[in-house]
Amino acid sequence: MANRNKLKSIITDYQFVRKSNEFYMIKIYNNLLKEEKNDFIDLIYKISKETTYNAYHYNAINFLNKLNITNNIDEIISRMQEIKTL
């Protein structure tokens, strides 16, 4: 279990997730325990509020759409619009 926790801390690290594409986000999500998945989704939204890395937002939207988690996607879309005005 120690190795799993070490690996989990690496793959759910803020910078690692921010640089991940949709494919890796799905792989990470699918390898988390049920109780960890909500924390990962929360991290996706947290990063979208803080980063100006536009490619991240497109990857996050695609990731969430593939999982049918579309209830707060408008937050990410709004953030993308905000970034365009910077």
N, C-alpha and C. Protein backbone atom coordinates (compact mmCIF):
# COMPACT_ATOMS: atom_id res chain seq x y z
N MET A 1 0.82 -1.20 0.00
CA MET A 1 0.00 0.00 0.00
C MET A 1 0.86 1.26 0.00
N ALA A 2 2.06 1.17 0.56
CA ALA A 2 2.94 2.34 0.60
C ALA A 2 3.34 2.77 -0.80
N ASN A 3 3.63 1.80 -1.68
CA ASN A 3 3.99 2.13 -3.06
C ASN A 3 2.82 2.78 -3.79
N ARG A 4 1.62 2.29 -3.53
CA ARG A 4 0.43 2.86 -4.16
C ARG A 4 0.24 4.31 -3.73
N ASN A 5 0.42 4.57 -2.44
CA ASN A 5 0.27 5.93 -1.93
C ASN A 5 1.34 6.87 -2.50
N LYS A 6 2.55 6.35 -2.65
CA LYS A 6 3.62 7.16 -3.23
C LYS A 6 3.30 7.49 -4.68
N LEU A 7 2.88 6.51 -5.43
CA LEU A 7 2.52 6.72 -6.83
C LEU A 7 1.32 7.66 -6.95
N LYS A 8 0.33 7.46 -6.09
CA LYS A 8 -0.85 8.32 -6.10
C LYS A 8 -0.47 9.77 -5.84
N SER A 9 0.43 10.00 -4.92
CA SER A 9 0.83 11.38 -4.61
C SER A 9 1.53 12.02 -5.80
N ILE A 10 2.20 11.23 -6.61
CA ILE A 10 2.87 11.76 -7.80
C ILE A 10 1.85 12.08 -8.90
N ILE A 11 0.96 11.13 -9.17
CA ILE A 11 0.05 11.31 -10.31
C ILE A 11 -1.12 12.24 -10.01
N THR A 12 -1.34 12.55 -8.75
CA THR A 12 -2.38 13.52 -8.41
C THR A 12 -1.79 14.85 -7.96
N ASP A 13 -0.49 15.02 -8.19
CA ASP A 13 0.17 16.28 -7.88
C ASP A 13 -0.38 17.37 -8.80
N TYR A 14 -0.55 18.55 -8.26
CA TYR A 14 -1.12 19.69 -8.98
C TYR A 14 -0.45 19.89 -10.34
N GLN A 15 0.87 20.01 -10.34
CA GLN A 15 1.59 20.28 -11.59
C GLN A 15 1.50 19.11 -12.57
N PHE A 16 1.53 17.90 -12.06
CA PHE A 16 1.42 16.73 -12.93
C PHE A 16 0.07 16.71 -13.63
N VAL A 17 -0.99 16.95 -12.88
CA VAL A 17 -2.34 16.95 -13.46
C VAL A 17 -2.49 18.12 -14.42
N ARG A 18 -1.95 19.27 -14.07
CA ARG A 18 -2.07 20.45 -14.93
C ARG A 18 -1.42 20.21 -16.29
N LYS A 19 -0.38 19.43 -16.33
CA LYS A 19 0.33 19.16 -17.58
C LYS A 19 -0.19 17.91 -18.29
N SER A 20 -1.12 17.21 -17.68
CA SER A 20 -1.66 15.98 -18.27
C SER A 20 -2.69 16.29 -19.33
N ASN A 21 -2.75 15.41 -20.32
CA ASN A 21 -3.81 15.55 -21.30
C ASN A 21 -5.01 14.69 -20.89
N GLU A 22 -6.03 14.76 -21.68
CA GLU A 22 -7.28 14.05 -21.38
C GLU A 22 -7.04 12.54 -21.19
N PHE A 23 -6.20 11.95 -22.02
CA PHE A 23 -5.91 10.52 -21.94
C PHE A 23 -5.36 10.16 -20.56
N TYR A 24 -4.39 10.93 -20.09
CA TYR A 24 -3.78 10.63 -18.79
C TYR A 24 -4.73 10.94 -17.63
N MET A 25 -5.55 11.97 -17.79
CA MET A 25 -6.54 12.25 -16.75
C MET A 25 -7.47 11.07 -16.56
N ILE A 26 -7.89 10.48 -17.67
CA ILE A 26 -8.78 9.31 -17.60
C ILE A 26 -8.06 8.13 -16.96
N LYS A 27 -6.81 7.91 -17.35
CA LYS A 27 -6.03 6.80 -16.76
C LYS A 27 -5.87 6.99 -15.25
N ILE A 28 -5.56 8.22 -14.84
CA ILE A 28 -5.41 8.49 -13.41
C ILE A 28 -6.73 8.22 -12.69
N TYR A 29 -7.81 8.79 -13.21
CA TYR A 29 -9.13 8.65 -12.60
C TYR A 29 -9.52 7.18 -12.46
N ASN A 30 -9.30 6.41 -13.50
CA ASN A 30 -9.70 4.99 -13.49
C ASN A 30 -8.89 4.16 -12.51
N ASN A 31 -7.73 4.65 -12.12
CA ASN A 31 -6.90 3.89 -11.18
C ASN A 31 -7.02 4.37 -9.74
N LEU A 32 -7.90 5.33 -9.49
CA LEU A 32 -8.12 5.80 -8.14
C LEU A 32 -9.21 4.96 -7.47
N LEU A 33 -9.16 4.91 -6.16
CA LEU A 33 -10.22 4.26 -5.40
C LEU A 33 -11.47 5.12 -5.48
N LYS A 34 -12.61 4.52 -5.26
CA LYS A 34 -13.89 5.23 -5.38
C LYS A 34 -13.90 6.52 -4.55
N GLU A 35 -13.41 6.44 -3.33
CA GLU A 35 -13.44 7.61 -2.45
C GLU A 35 -12.43 8.69 -2.86
N GLU A 36 -11.46 8.34 -3.70
CA GLU A 36 -10.46 9.30 -4.16
C GLU A 36 -10.89 10.04 -5.43
N LYS A 37 -11.84 9.48 -6.14
CA LYS A 37 -12.25 10.04 -7.42
C LYS A 37 -12.86 11.43 -7.29
N ASN A 38 -13.66 11.66 -6.27
CA ASN A 38 -14.24 13.00 -6.08
C ASN A 38 -13.16 14.04 -5.79
N ASP A 39 -12.15 13.65 -5.03
CA ASP A 39 -11.04 14.56 -4.76
C ASP A 39 -10.32 14.92 -6.05
N PHE A 40 -10.19 13.96 -6.93
CA PHE A 40 -9.52 14.22 -8.20
C PHE A 40 -10.34 15.18 -9.07
N ILE A 41 -11.65 14.99 -9.10
CA ILE A 41 -12.53 15.90 -9.85
C ILE A 41 -12.44 17.31 -9.25
N ASP A 42 -12.42 17.40 -7.93
CA ASP A 42 -12.26 18.70 -7.28
C ASP A 42 -10.94 19.36 -7.67
N LEU A 43 -9.89 18.55 -7.79
CA LEU A 43 -8.59 19.07 -8.20
C LEU A 43 -8.65 19.60 -9.63
N ILE A 44 -9.35 18.91 -10.49
CA ILE A 44 -9.52 19.36 -11.88
C ILE A 44 -10.13 20.76 -11.90
N TYR A 45 -11.19 20.96 -11.13
CA TYR A 45 -11.85 22.27 -11.08
C TYR A 45 -10.95 23.32 -10.41
N LYS A 46 -10.23 22.92 -9.38
CA LYS A 46 -9.34 23.87 -8.69
C LYS A 46 -8.27 24.38 -9.65
N ILE A 47 -7.66 23.46 -10.39
CA ILE A 47 -6.63 23.86 -11.34
C ILE A 47 -7.21 24.78 -12.41
N SER A 48 -8.41 24.49 -12.86
CA SER A 48 -9.01 25.32 -13.92
C SER A 48 -9.25 26.75 -13.45
N LYS A 49 -9.49 26.92 -12.17
CA LYS A 49 -9.70 28.27 -11.63
C LYS A 49 -8.40 29.05 -11.50
N GLU A 50 -7.28 28.33 -11.40
CA GLU A 50 -6.01 28.97 -11.09
C GLU A 50 -5.04 29.08 -12.26
N THR A 51 -5.22 28.25 -13.28
CA THR A 51 -4.24 28.25 -14.36
C THR A 51 -4.70 29.06 -15.55
N THR A 52 -3.74 29.58 -16.29
CA THR A 52 -4.04 30.27 -17.54
C THR A 52 -3.61 29.41 -18.73
N TYR A 53 -3.25 28.20 -18.46
CA TYR A 53 -2.81 27.24 -19.47
C TYR A 53 -4.05 26.73 -20.21
N ASN A 54 -4.33 27.33 -21.37
CA ASN A 54 -5.59 27.09 -22.06
C ASN A 54 -5.76 25.64 -22.51
N ALA A 55 -4.68 24.98 -22.89
CA ALA A 55 -4.78 23.59 -23.31
C ALA A 55 -5.31 22.72 -22.17
N TYR A 56 -4.94 23.08 -20.94
CA TYR A 56 -5.45 22.34 -19.78
C TYR A 56 -6.98 22.37 -19.76
N HIS A 57 -7.55 23.53 -20.02
CA HIS A 57 -9.00 23.66 -19.96
C HIS A 57 -9.70 22.79 -20.99
N TYR A 58 -9.14 22.74 -22.20
CA TYR A 58 -9.72 21.88 -23.23
C TYR A 58 -9.62 20.41 -22.82
N ASN A 59 -8.47 20.01 -22.27
CA ASN A 59 -8.31 18.64 -21.81
C ASN A 59 -9.26 18.32 -20.66
N ALA A 60 -9.43 19.25 -19.74
CA ALA A 60 -10.34 19.04 -18.60
C ALA A 60 -11.78 18.87 -19.08
N ILE A 61 -12.19 19.71 -20.02
CA ILE A 61 -13.56 19.61 -20.54
C ILE A 61 -13.77 18.27 -21.24
N ASN A 62 -12.83 17.86 -22.06
CA ASN A 62 -12.96 16.57 -22.75
C ASN A 62 -12.98 15.41 -21.76
N PHE A 63 -12.14 15.49 -20.75
CA PHE A 63 -12.10 14.46 -19.70
C PHE A 63 -13.45 14.37 -18.99
N LEU A 64 -13.97 15.49 -18.56
CA LEU A 64 -15.24 15.50 -17.83
C LEU A 64 -16.40 15.05 -18.71
N ASN A 65 -16.39 15.44 -19.98
CA ASN A 65 -17.43 15.00 -20.90
C ASN A 65 -17.41 13.49 -21.09
N LYS A 66 -16.22 12.92 -21.20
CA LYS A 66 -16.12 11.46 -21.38
C LYS A 66 -16.66 10.70 -20.17
N LEU A 67 -16.57 11.33 -18.99
CA LEU A 67 -17.07 10.69 -17.77
C LEU A 67 -18.52 11.09 -17.48
N ASN A 68 -19.11 11.91 -18.35
CA ASN A 68 -20.47 12.43 -18.17
C ASN A 68 -20.61 13.21 -16.87
N ILE A 69 -19.56 13.95 -16.52
CA ILE A 69 -19.60 14.83 -15.35
C ILE A 69 -19.68 16.25 -15.92
N THR A 70 -20.88 16.65 -16.27
CA THR A 70 -21.04 17.91 -17.00
C THR A 70 -21.74 18.99 -16.17
N ASN A 71 -22.00 18.72 -14.90
CA ASN A 71 -22.78 19.67 -14.10
C ASN A 71 -22.07 20.99 -13.86
N ASN A 72 -20.74 21.04 -13.86
CA ASN A 72 -20.02 22.30 -13.60
C ASN A 72 -19.06 22.69 -14.71
N ILE A 73 -19.23 22.11 -15.88
CA ILE A 73 -18.32 22.42 -16.99
C ILE A 73 -18.40 23.90 -17.36
N ASP A 74 -19.53 24.52 -17.13
CA ASP A 74 -19.67 25.95 -17.44
C ASP A 74 -18.64 26.79 -16.69
N GLU A 75 -18.23 26.34 -15.51
CA GLU A 75 -17.19 27.05 -14.75
C GLU A 75 -15.89 27.10 -15.54
N ILE A 76 -15.54 25.99 -16.17
CA ILE A 76 -14.30 25.92 -16.94
C ILE A 76 -14.43 26.75 -18.21
N ILE A 77 -15.57 26.68 -18.85
CA ILE A 77 -15.79 27.47 -20.06
C ILE A 77 -15.72 28.96 -19.74
N SER A 78 -16.31 29.36 -18.64
CA SER A 78 -16.25 30.76 -18.21
C SER A 78 -14.81 31.18 -17.96
N ARG A 79 -14.04 30.31 -17.36
CA ARG A 79 -12.63 30.61 -17.08
C ARG A 79 -11.87 30.79 -18.39
N MET A 80 -12.17 29.98 -19.39
CA MET A 80 -11.53 30.12 -20.69
C MET A 80 -11.85 31.48 -21.32
N GLN A 81 -13.09 31.90 -21.18
CA GLN A 81 -13.48 33.22 -21.71
C GLN A 81 -12.75 34.33 -20.97
N GLU A 82 -12.62 34.16 -19.67
CA GLU A 82 -11.90 35.14 -18.85
C GLU A 82 -10.44 35.25 -19.27
N ILE A 83 -9.83 34.12 -19.55
CA ILE A 83 -8.43 34.09 -19.95
C ILE A 83 -8.23 34.83 -21.28
N LYS A 84 -9.19 34.70 -22.17
CA LYS A 84 -9.09 35.37 -23.48
C LYS A 84 -9.01 36.88 -23.34
N THR A 85 -9.56 37.41 -22.25
CA THR A 85 -9.55 38.86 -22.06
C THR A 85 -8.31 39.36 -21.33
N LEU A 86 -7.46 38.45 -20.87
CA LEU A 86 -6.24 38.86 -20.15
C LEU A 86 -5.22 39.46 -21.09
